[in-house]
Protein backbone atom coordinates (compact mmCIF):
# COMPACT_ATOMS: atom_id res chain seq x y z
CA MET A 1 5.62 -18.90 -5.13
CA LYS A 2 6.47 -15.89 -7.22
CA GLN A 3 6.51 -16.36 -10.95
CA LEU A 4 9.19 -14.49 -12.83
CA PRO A 5 7.39 -11.91 -15.00
CA LEU A 6 8.66 -10.44 -18.20
CA LEU A 7 11.54 -8.34 -16.99
CA LEU A 8 10.87 -4.70 -17.67
CA ALA A 9 13.51 -2.16 -18.54
CA LEU A 10 14.22 0.02 -15.56
CA PHE A 11 12.72 3.46 -15.77
CA PHE A 12 15.53 5.87 -14.98
CA MET A 13 14.73 9.55 -14.61
CA SER A 14 17.18 12.40 -14.44
CA ASN A 15 15.78 13.52 -11.08
CA PHE A 16 16.56 10.12 -9.58
CA CYS A 17 20.36 10.28 -9.26
CA GLN A 18 21.99 8.18 -6.59
CA ALA A 19 24.03 9.98 -3.96
CA GLN A 20 27.77 9.48 -4.37
CA ILE A 21 28.70 9.73 -0.71
CA ARG A 22 27.30 8.31 2.47
CA PRO A 23 24.41 10.55 3.59
CA SER A 24 25.19 12.42 6.79
CA THR A 25 21.92 14.13 7.72
CA LEU A 26 18.41 12.79 8.19
CA ASN A 27 17.26 14.55 5.03
CA ASP A 28 20.14 13.05 3.08
CA ARG A 29 19.31 9.55 4.32
CA ILE A 30 15.64 9.95 3.43
CA ASP A 31 16.52 11.33 -0.01
CA GLU A 32 18.90 8.46 -0.70
CA TYR A 33 16.28 5.90 0.27
CA VAL A 34 13.44 7.46 -1.74
CA LEU A 35 15.66 7.82 -4.81
CA LYS A 36 16.80 4.22 -4.42
CA ILE A 37 13.32 2.71 -4.26
CA SER A 38 12.15 5.03 -7.04
CA ASN A 39 14.80 3.57 -9.34
CA ARG A 40 14.23 0.06 -8.05
CA TYR A 41 10.46 -0.02 -8.51
CA GLY A 42 10.06 2.49 -11.32
CA ILE A 43 8.19 5.13 -9.31
CA PRO A 44 7.68 8.08 -11.71
CA GLY A 45 7.26 10.79 -9.07
CA ALA A 46 6.80 11.16 -5.33
CA ALA A 47 6.27 13.67 -2.55
CA VAL A 48 7.33 12.80 0.99
CA ALA A 49 6.84 14.57 4.31
CA ILE A 50 7.81 13.49 7.81
CA ALA A 51 6.89 15.24 11.05
CA LYS A 52 8.51 14.70 14.45
CA ASP A 53 7.32 16.26 17.69
CA GLY A 54 4.91 18.51 15.82
CA LYS A 55 7.50 19.90 13.38
CA THR A 56 8.10 18.98 9.75
CA VAL A 57 11.61 17.50 9.61
CA HIS A 58 11.46 16.49 5.96
CA GLU A 59 9.48 17.70 2.96
CA ALA A 60 10.77 16.87 -0.51
CA TYR A 61 9.66 16.22 -4.09
CA TYR A 62 11.10 13.64 -6.47
CA GLY A 63 10.81 12.72 -10.13
CA ASN A 64 8.07 13.55 -12.58
CA ALA A 65 4.41 14.45 -12.18
CA ASN A 66 4.16 13.86 -15.92
CA ILE A 67 6.77 11.86 -17.82
CA GLU A 68 5.99 12.70 -21.42
CA HIS A 69 6.16 16.46 -20.83
CA ASP A 70 8.97 16.23 -18.26
CA VAL A 71 6.96 18.03 -15.59
CA PRO A 72 8.63 17.65 -12.18
CA VAL A 73 6.74 16.95 -8.97
CA SER A 74 6.48 20.15 -6.92
CA ASP A 75 4.64 21.58 -3.94
CA LYS A 76 1.80 22.38 -6.36
CA SER A 77 1.40 18.76 -7.50
CA ILE A 78 -1.98 17.25 -6.64
CA PHE A 79 -2.08 13.52 -5.88
CA ARG A 80 -5.10 11.27 -5.83
CA VAL A 81 -4.67 9.18 -2.66
CA TYR A 82 -7.16 6.39 -3.55
CA SER A 83 -8.13 4.24 -0.53
CA LEU A 84 -6.19 6.49 1.82
CA THR A 85 -9.39 8.56 1.54
CA LYS A 86 -11.00 6.18 4.02
CA THR A 87 -9.04 7.54 6.99
CA ILE A 88 -10.24 11.08 6.24
CA VAL A 89 -13.83 9.86 5.93
CA THR A 90 -13.50 7.94 9.20
CA VAL A 91 -12.43 11.15 10.93
CA ALA A 92 -15.56 12.79 9.48
CA VAL A 93 -17.70 9.98 10.94
CA PHE A 94 -16.14 10.42 14.38
CA GLN A 95 -16.71 14.16 14.20
CA LEU A 96 -20.42 13.32 13.90
CA ILE A 97 -20.14 10.78 16.71
CA GLU A 98 -18.54 13.44 18.91
CA LYS A 99 -21.53 15.69 18.19
CA ASN A 100 -23.94 12.83 19.08
CA LYS A 101 -25.30 12.75 15.55
CA LEU A 102 -24.11 9.20 14.96
CA SER A 103 -23.25 6.14 17.03
CA LEU A 104 -21.09 3.14 16.18
CA GLU A 105 -24.03 0.95 17.16
CA ASP A 106 -26.41 2.59 14.69
CA LYS A 107 -28.00 0.16 12.22
CA LEU A 108 -28.20 0.95 8.53
CA SER A 109 -31.98 0.65 8.66
CA MET A 110 -32.05 3.85 10.75
CA TYR A 111 -30.85 5.89 7.76
CA LEU A 112 -31.39 3.91 4.56
CA ASP A 113 -34.72 2.45 3.46
CA ASP A 114 -33.72 1.25 -0.01
CA ILE A 115 -31.37 -1.55 0.99
CA PRO A 116 -32.14 -5.28 1.48
CA LYS A 117 -33.59 -6.18 4.87
CA THR A 118 -30.59 -8.42 5.51
CA TRP A 119 -28.36 -5.34 5.23
CA GLY A 120 -30.46 -3.26 7.59
CA THR A 121 -29.14 -4.85 10.79
CA ILE A 122 -25.52 -4.12 9.89
CA GLN A 123 -24.11 -1.45 12.19
CA LEU A 124 -21.88 1.52 11.44
CA LYS A 125 -19.01 -0.14 13.31
CA HIS A 126 -19.14 -3.09 10.90
CA LEU A 127 -18.70 -0.79 7.93
CA LEU A 128 -15.72 1.05 9.43
CA THR A 129 -13.97 -2.20 10.39
CA HIS A 130 -14.70 -4.04 7.13
CA SER A 131 -16.57 -6.73 9.03
CA SER A 132 -19.99 -6.38 7.36
CA GLY A 133 -19.76 -9.49 5.18
CA LEU A 134 -21.31 -7.52 2.31
CA PRO A 135 -20.56 -8.27 -1.36
CA ASP A 136 -17.80 -6.06 -2.71
CA MET A 137 -18.39 -3.12 -5.03
CA ALA A 138 -14.74 -3.48 -6.02
CA PRO A 139 -12.92 -0.92 -8.20
CA ILE A 140 -12.06 -3.50 -10.85
CA MET A 141 -12.80 -3.51 -14.56
CA ASP A 142 -16.26 -5.01 -14.03
CA PHE A 143 -17.28 -1.86 -12.16
CA GLU A 144 -15.62 0.76 -14.35
CA ASN A 145 -17.85 3.48 -15.75
CA LEU A 146 -20.96 2.10 -14.05
CA THR A 147 -23.58 4.40 -12.64
CA GLU A 148 -24.45 3.98 -9.01
CA GLU A 149 -27.64 2.17 -9.99
CA GLU A 150 -25.73 -0.26 -12.23
CA ALA A 151 -23.10 -0.94 -9.57
CA VAL A 152 -25.73 -1.56 -6.91
CA GLU A 153 -27.57 -3.94 -9.23
CA LYS A 154 -24.42 -6.08 -9.50
CA VAL A 155 -24.19 -6.62 -5.71
CA ILE A 156 -27.65 -6.07 -4.24
CA ASP A 157 -28.90 -9.64 -4.68
CA GLN A 158 -25.73 -11.32 -3.40
CA GLU A 159 -25.86 -12.89 0.03
CA ILE A 160 -23.94 -11.64 3.05
CA SER A 161 -20.94 -13.98 3.28
CA PHE A 162 -20.58 -14.07 7.09
CA LEU A 163 -22.18 -12.68 10.23
CA PRO A 164 -21.41 -8.99 10.79
CA GLY A 165 -18.45 -8.55 13.11
CA GLU A 166 -17.14 -12.08 12.56
CA LYS A 167 -14.02 -11.29 10.52
CA TYR A 168 -12.12 -8.71 8.49
CA ASP A 169 -12.87 -8.59 4.76
CA TYR A 170 -11.73 -5.40 3.03
CA ASN A 171 -14.68 -4.10 1.09
CA GLN A 172 -15.49 -1.02 -1.01
CA THR A 173 -19.25 -1.39 -0.45
CA ASN A 174 -18.72 -0.51 3.21
CA PHE A 175 -17.60 3.04 2.46
CA TRP A 176 -20.25 3.55 -0.20
CA LEU A 177 -22.73 2.99 2.62
CA VAL A 178 -20.74 5.14 5.07
CA GLN A 179 -20.95 7.96 2.54
CA ARG A 180 -24.71 7.59 2.21
CA VAL A 181 -25.17 7.64 5.99
CA VAL A 182 -23.01 10.75 6.42
CA GLU A 183 -24.85 12.56 3.63
CA LYS A 184 -28.19 11.58 5.14
CA VAL A 185 -27.24 12.86 8.60
CA THR A 186 -25.56 16.09 7.46
CA ASN A 187 -27.92 16.85 4.58
CA GLU A 188 -24.96 17.80 2.38
CA ASN A 189 -22.71 15.91 -0.01
CA ILE A 190 -19.66 14.18 1.40
CA GLU A 191 -17.17 16.48 -0.32
CA ASP A 192 -18.67 19.67 1.10
CA TYR A 193 -18.90 18.19 4.58
CA ILE A 194 -15.27 17.02 4.61
CA LEU A 195 -13.84 20.19 3.11
CA ARG A 196 -15.78 22.39 5.51
CA ASN A 197 -14.80 20.40 8.61
CA GLN A 198 -11.24 19.31 7.81
CA PHE A 199 -9.79 21.53 5.05
CA TRP A 200 -11.21 24.93 5.92
CA ASP A 201 -7.87 26.68 5.14
CA ASP A 202 -7.72 25.43 1.55
CA VAL A 203 -8.06 28.84 -0.12
CA ASP A 204 -6.42 27.58 -3.34
CA ASN A 205 -8.99 24.79 -3.77
CA THR A 206 -6.26 22.17 -4.18
CA THR A 207 -8.17 19.64 -2.10
CA PHE A 208 -11.19 18.00 -3.67
CA LEU A 209 -12.91 14.64 -4.17
CA SER A 210 -12.96 12.94 -7.57
CA SER A 211 -13.09 9.21 -8.32
CA ASP A 212 -12.35 9.68 -12.01
CA SER A 213 -8.68 10.15 -12.87
CA ARG A 214 -9.65 11.28 -16.37
CA ASP A 215 -10.94 14.60 -15.06
CA ILE A 216 -8.69 17.41 -16.28
CA VAL A 217 -7.33 19.17 -13.22
CA LYS A 218 -4.53 21.73 -13.26
CA ASN A 219 -1.37 20.44 -11.51
CA ARG A 220 -2.76 16.94 -10.90
CA VAL A 221 -0.12 14.25 -11.39
CA THR A 222 -0.56 11.69 -14.18
CA PRO A 223 -1.13 8.11 -12.95
CA TYR A 224 1.17 5.39 -14.35
CA PHE A 225 0.63 1.66 -13.77
CA PRO A 226 1.74 -1.59 -15.49
CA PHE A 227 -1.30 -3.71 -14.70
CA ARG A 228 -3.14 -3.60 -18.03
CA ASN A 229 -0.42 -4.81 -20.37
CA GLY A 230 2.71 -5.42 -18.30
CA LYS A 231 4.45 -2.14 -19.03
CA LEU A 232 4.27 1.35 -17.59
CA ILE A 233 1.43 3.29 -19.21
CA ILE A 234 -0.89 6.16 -18.38
CA ASP A 235 -3.57 4.25 -16.53
CA ASN A 236 -6.78 5.94 -15.44
CA SER A 237 -8.46 2.62 -14.67
CA TYR A 238 -9.61 3.57 -11.17
CA LEU A 239 -12.81 5.11 -12.50
CA GLN A 240 -16.03 5.27 -10.56
CA GLY A 241 -18.77 7.77 -10.02
CA SER A 242 -19.42 10.12 -7.14
CA TYR A 243 -20.91 7.25 -5.16
CA MET A 244 -17.35 6.00 -4.49
CA LEU A 245 -15.85 9.29 -3.33
CA SER A 246 -15.54 8.06 0.27
CA ALA A 247 -13.72 4.94 -0.84
CA ASN A 248 -11.08 6.38 -3.14
CA GLY A 249 -11.73 9.96 -4.21
CA LEU A 250 -9.56 12.36 -2.18
CA ASN A 251 -7.09 14.53 -4.12
CA LEU A 252 -4.67 16.97 -2.49
CA THR A 253 -1.13 18.36 -2.44
CA LEU A 254 1.53 17.26 0.01
CA LYS A 255 1.30 20.65 1.72
CA ASP A 256 -2.47 20.15 2.14
CA TYR A 257 -1.78 16.80 3.77
CA VAL A 258 0.95 18.21 6.02
CA GLU A 259 -1.48 20.88 7.24
CA TRP A 260 -4.20 18.26 7.78
CA ASN A 261 -1.81 16.10 9.78
CA LYS A 262 -0.82 19.07 11.95
CA LYS A 263 -4.47 19.78 12.78
CA PHE A 264 -5.10 16.09 13.45
CA GLU A 265 -2.15 15.89 15.86
CA GLU A 266 -3.31 19.05 17.63
CA ASN A 267 -6.81 17.57 18.11
CA LYS A 268 -8.49 20.27 16.03
CA PHE A 269 -10.70 17.69 14.33
CA LEU A 270 -11.38 15.38 17.26
CA SER A 271 -10.85 15.53 21.00
CA GLU A 272 -8.19 13.24 22.46
CA LYS A 273 -10.96 11.12 23.98
CA THR A 274 -12.72 10.65 20.64
CA LYS A 275 -9.46 9.97 18.86
CA ASN A 276 -8.63 7.27 21.41
CA LYS A 277 -12.06 5.75 20.78
CA MET A 278 -11.35 5.68 17.05
CA PHE A 279 -8.06 3.88 17.76
CA GLU A 280 -9.61 1.15 19.91
CA PHE A 281 -8.99 -2.36 18.59
CA PHE A 282 -12.06 -3.98 17.12
CA ASP A 283 -12.77 -7.44 18.50
CA TYR A 284 -13.54 -9.66 15.51
CA GLY A 285 -15.52 -12.75 16.45
CA ASN A 286 -13.43 -15.18 14.42
CA ASP A 287 -10.34 -13.35 13.19
CA ASN A 288 -7.03 -12.24 14.72
CA LYS A 289 -6.77 -9.23 12.44
CA GLU A 290 -5.54 -6.10 14.25
CA PHE A 291 -7.62 -3.17 13.05
CA VAL A 292 -9.23 -0.11 14.59
CA PHE A 293 -12.10 1.94 13.18
CA GLY A 294 -11.13 2.82 9.60
CA TRP A 295 -7.37 2.58 10.23
CA ASP A 296 -4.92 -0.29 9.94
CA VAL A 297 -2.58 -1.07 12.83
CA HIS A 298 1.12 -1.92 12.72
CA ASN A 299 3.31 -3.07 15.61
CA LEU A 300 7.03 -2.66 15.01
CA ASN A 301 8.84 -4.14 17.98
CA GLY A 302 6.44 -2.48 20.42
CA HIS A 303 5.96 0.77 18.49
CA PHE A 304 2.31 0.96 17.44
CA SER A 305 1.31 2.99 14.41
CA TYR A 306 -1.97 3.70 12.65
CA GLY A 307 -2.56 4.46 9.01
CA PHE A 308 -3.62 3.22 5.60
CA SER A 309 -2.43 3.05 2.00
CA GLY A 310 -3.99 3.54 -1.41
CA SER A 311 -3.62 1.53 -4.63
CA LEU A 312 0.00 0.58 -3.85
CA VAL A 313 1.19 4.18 -4.37
CA THR A 314 0.16 6.33 -1.39
CA ALA A 315 0.47 5.83 2.36
CA TYR A 316 0.06 7.72 5.62
CA ARG A 317 1.03 6.55 9.08
CA ILE A 318 1.27 8.07 12.55
CA PHE A 319 3.28 6.78 15.52
CA PRO A 320 1.50 8.49 18.44
CA LYS A 321 3.90 7.48 21.25
CA ASP A 322 6.91 8.44 19.13
CA ASN A 323 5.32 11.67 17.80
CA ILE A 324 6.16 10.71 14.22
CA SER A 325 3.94 11.14 11.15
CA ILE A 326 4.85 9.99 7.64
CA ILE A 327 3.18 10.91 4.34
CA PHE A 328 4.24 9.17 1.11
CA LEU A 329 2.48 10.16 -2.11
CA SER A 330 3.40 8.86 -5.57
CA ASN A 331 1.79 8.61 -8.99
CA GLY A 332 2.53 5.04 -9.99
CA LEU A 333 4.98 2.17 -10.11
CA GLU A 334 6.61 -0.08 -12.65
CA SER A 335 6.67 -3.17 -10.46
CA TYR A 336 4.89 -4.20 -7.27
CA TYR A 337 6.42 -3.39 -3.88
CA ASN A 338 5.09 -3.25 -0.34
CA ILE A 339 4.51 0.41 0.37
CA GLU A 340 3.93 -0.35 4.07
CA ASN A 341 7.55 -1.54 4.24
CA THR A 342 8.55 1.80 2.76
CA ILE A 343 6.80 3.58 5.62
CA ASN A 344 8.45 1.24 8.11
CA HIS A 345 11.88 2.00 6.71
CA LEU A 346 11.30 5.76 6.70
CA ALA A 347 10.24 5.51 10.36
CA SER A 348 13.46 3.63 11.17
CA LEU A 349 15.49 6.48 9.66
CA VAL A 350 13.85 8.90 12.09
CA ASN A 351 14.02 6.55 15.09
CA ASP A 352 16.33 3.54 14.77
CA ASP A 353 14.44 1.76 17.56
CA ILE A 354 11.52 1.42 15.15
CA TYR A 355 12.32 -1.31 12.69
CA ASP A 356 10.76 -4.18 10.80
CA GLY A 357 13.20 -7.09 10.98
CA ASN A 358 12.14 -8.63 7.67
CA ASN A 359 12.37 -5.33 5.83
CA PHE A 360 15.68 -4.41 7.47
CA VAL A 361 17.20 -7.73 6.40
CA PHE A 362 15.80 -7.42 2.87
CA GLU A 363 17.16 -3.90 2.39
CA GLY A 364 20.56 -4.75 3.86
CA LEU A 365 21.10 -7.90 1.82
CA LEU A 366 19.85 -6.29 -1.38
CA ASP A 367 22.27 -3.39 -0.90
CA LYS A 368 25.17 -5.82 -0.47
CA ALA A 369 24.19 -7.74 -3.59
CA SER A 370 23.52 -4.65 -5.70
CA ASN A 371 26.45 -2.47 -4.68
CA GLU A 372 29.12 -4.94 -3.59
CA SER A 373 29.17 -8.68 -4.35
CA PHE A 374 27.54 -12.02 -3.63
CA GLU A 375 30.39 -12.80 -1.24
CA LYS A 376 29.58 -9.68 0.79
CA LEU A 377 25.91 -10.62 0.76
CA PHE A 378 26.73 -14.15 1.93
CA SER A 379 28.92 -12.89 4.76
CA TYR A 380 26.31 -10.34 5.87
CA TYR A 381 23.58 -12.98 5.60
CA ASN A 382 25.42 -15.26 8.02
CA THR A 383 25.97 -12.38 10.43
CA LEU A 384 22.27 -11.50 10.45
CA LYS A 385 21.04 -15.07 10.63
CA ASN A 386 23.20 -15.75 13.70
CA ASN A 387 21.97 -12.61 15.46
CA LYS A 388 19.18 -13.38 17.95
CA LYS A 389 17.70 -9.98 17.17
CA TYR A 390 16.52 -11.37 13.82
CA LYS A 391 15.41 -14.83 14.87
CA GLN A 392 11.83 -14.07 13.77
CA VAL A 393 12.89 -12.99 10.27
CA ASP A 394 11.71 -15.11 7.35
CA PHE A 395 15.12 -15.45 5.68
CA GLU A 396 13.81 -17.87 3.07
CA ASN A 397 11.31 -15.33 1.78
CA CYS A 398 13.85 -12.49 2.00
CA LEU A 399 16.38 -14.37 -0.13
CA ASN A 400 13.70 -15.34 -2.63
CA SER A 401 12.50 -11.73 -2.96
CA ILE A 402 16.07 -10.50 -3.35
CA GLY A 403 16.69 -13.03 -6.13
CA TYR A 404 13.69 -11.79 -8.11
CA MET A 405 14.61 -8.15 -7.50
CA LEU A 406 18.17 -8.74 -8.75
CA PHE A 407 16.77 -10.28 -11.92
CA ARG A 408 14.65 -7.19 -12.47
CA LEU A 409 17.67 -4.98 -11.86
CA GLY A 410 19.62 -6.88 -14.50
CA ASN A 411 22.01 -8.63 -12.10
CA GLN A 412 21.15 -12.17 -13.23
CA ASN A 413 24.35 -13.93 -12.17
CA THR A 414 24.09 -12.75 -8.56
CA ALA A 415 20.36 -13.48 -8.61
CA LEU A 416 21.01 -17.10 -9.56
CA LYS A 417 23.59 -17.42 -6.78
CA VAL A 418 21.01 -16.12 -4.29
CA PHE A 419 18.44 -18.68 -5.49
CA GLU A 420 21.12 -21.41 -5.18
CA LEU A 421 21.95 -20.25 -1.67
CA ASN A 422 18.28 -20.50 -0.75
CA THR A 423 18.12 -24.13 -1.94
CA ARG A 424 21.16 -24.96 0.20
CA GLU A 425 19.66 -23.23 3.23
CA TYR A 426 16.12 -24.59 2.73
CA PRO A 427 16.47 -27.80 0.67
CA LYS A 428 13.02 -29.06 1.68
CA SER A 429 11.19 -25.98 0.40
CA TRP A 430 9.49 -26.64 -2.95
CA ASN A 431 9.18 -22.90 -3.51
CA VAL A 432 12.91 -22.14 -3.51
CA TRP A 433 13.55 -24.94 -6.03
CA ASP A 434 10.76 -23.53 -8.20
CA SER A 435 12.39 -20.09 -8.08
CA LEU A 436 15.81 -21.52 -8.97
CA ALA A 437 14.17 -23.32 -11.89
CA GLU A 438 12.63 -20.05 -13.10
CA GLY A 439 16.00 -18.36 -12.92
CA ASN A 440 17.71 -21.08 -14.89
CA GLU A 441 14.88 -21.17 -17.43
CA TYR A 442 15.16 -17.44 -17.96
CA LEU A 443 18.91 -17.72 -18.52
CA GLY A 444 18.44 -20.55 -21.03
CA ASN A 445 19.75 -23.33 -18.80
CA LYS A 446 17.01 -25.73 -19.93
CA THR A 447 18.43 -29.00 -18.54
CA ILE A 448 19.14 -27.53 -15.12
CA ALA A 449 15.74 -25.81 -15.06
CA ILE A 450 14.01 -29.14 -15.72
CA LEU A 451 15.93 -30.77 -12.85
CA ASN A 452 15.00 -27.90 -10.53
CA TYR A 453 11.30 -28.07 -11.47
CA GLU A 454 11.34 -31.84 -10.94
CA LYS A 455 12.85 -31.33 -7.48
CA SER A 456 10.15 -28.76 -6.65
CA LEU A 457 7.42 -31.09 -7.91
CA ALA A 458 8.77 -33.98 -5.85
CA LEU A 459 8.45 -31.82 -2.73
CA ASN A 460 5.02 -30.51 -3.74
CA PRO A 461 3.12 -32.61 -6.31
CA ASP A 462 0.44 -29.87 -6.45
CA ASN A 463 2.84 -27.23 -7.76
CA LYS A 464 0.89 -26.25 -10.89
CA HIS A 465 3.54 -23.81 -12.03
CA ALA A 466 6.19 -26.55 -12.15
CA ILE A 467 3.81 -28.87 -14.00
CA GLU A 468 3.05 -26.24 -16.63
CA ARG A 469 6.69 -25.22 -17.14
CA LEU A 470 7.87 -28.83 -17.42
CA LYS A 471 5.33 -29.46 -20.18
CA VAL A 472 6.65 -26.44 -22.07
CA LEU A 473 10.33 -27.24 -21.57
CA ARG A 474 9.98 -30.89 -22.53
CA THR A 475 8.29 -30.02 -25.81
CA LYS A 476 10.98 -27.54 -26.87
């Protein structure tokens, strides 16, 4: 169930103008898509690069690095990539493995003597695959501005939640420990080791590690998020000390990243054999999660890709068999969206055999509803639903997401029609009736909203949202 938030005014920027004609070239199609999602989700600024067969086929900059001073994103703009840092750190670990200075089977007790005994048997492979079971040193408000000693104190006495290797549980503590192991083995801090071994051509010093977005850095983009008070504000909330550099601290320009990707593809960091080892699937004891060492895995109709994302705003993915690499860097968002779907769609523009059915359907139907009419959407919906190619698509969820997006875009009448369509298509789903009720409540249709909530509650008596809204509506 998705609750309808307070609808925010769309953040339109002069640099985000929609193309007036159908794009003809690959660059045009990519530009149109990036501009479209920037308007749709309120992305202040972005930098995007795509490489195919070892050559950069697209490199472009969009929107503002800083809104209040109207500073555009440029090739000099420095982005903090947040958790995308972990892929770079993983490469650093495998560089040490290739030199026989580390092994995936190494236990923490071999390098660290100030951790609980129960942590000592955890192996390096468990940290890289987020299967340690350790308590999480999460970058949330409880951990802001804490020293390393204070952060450790908050987690050190907590029990391990499952046997190492049993399942995937994304965890910031893992890469705090990875950083400590690397620094112990190399006898230098993590930033110096990474810069020396992966960014040796950075003569302008535009690549660095900092986990504090309040640091004043020339040309660094300003971060904008809505999570503190529901509206887009300058938000430097991802603040932690140098102990979290390996988890979320990398900062660089798009050009720095393009150059890094080129070296990675040319095996200048790791041999092909070591890289293949890094991309081996980890066998979780009690979890079907597909993950390799430090990198997430995506399978789009047989096209495997490896990558990661950071704080909903940055993403990097490579498609080895297709020789495609995609870098998407941005400095915020006004409303949540799935950045992995953005990467999927960009990949489909380069190679139309790579597609995510759910995302393709969502984008197609939303375009019909936004730019044409509900009737066009309905006709296209029937065409897609009757196509065997999309038999695995979750049309119920797609329609529901489109309804909420149309509300945010100010197209309430079409949004309500989409919610109504979903109740006709899936009349036994409590969630679609709940969404229709939210739509009617927002539009002031109190009586209809009550009937819709009652229908949802009849299908799911545990629907707390319907219970709460009915209490409110009945007392008005």
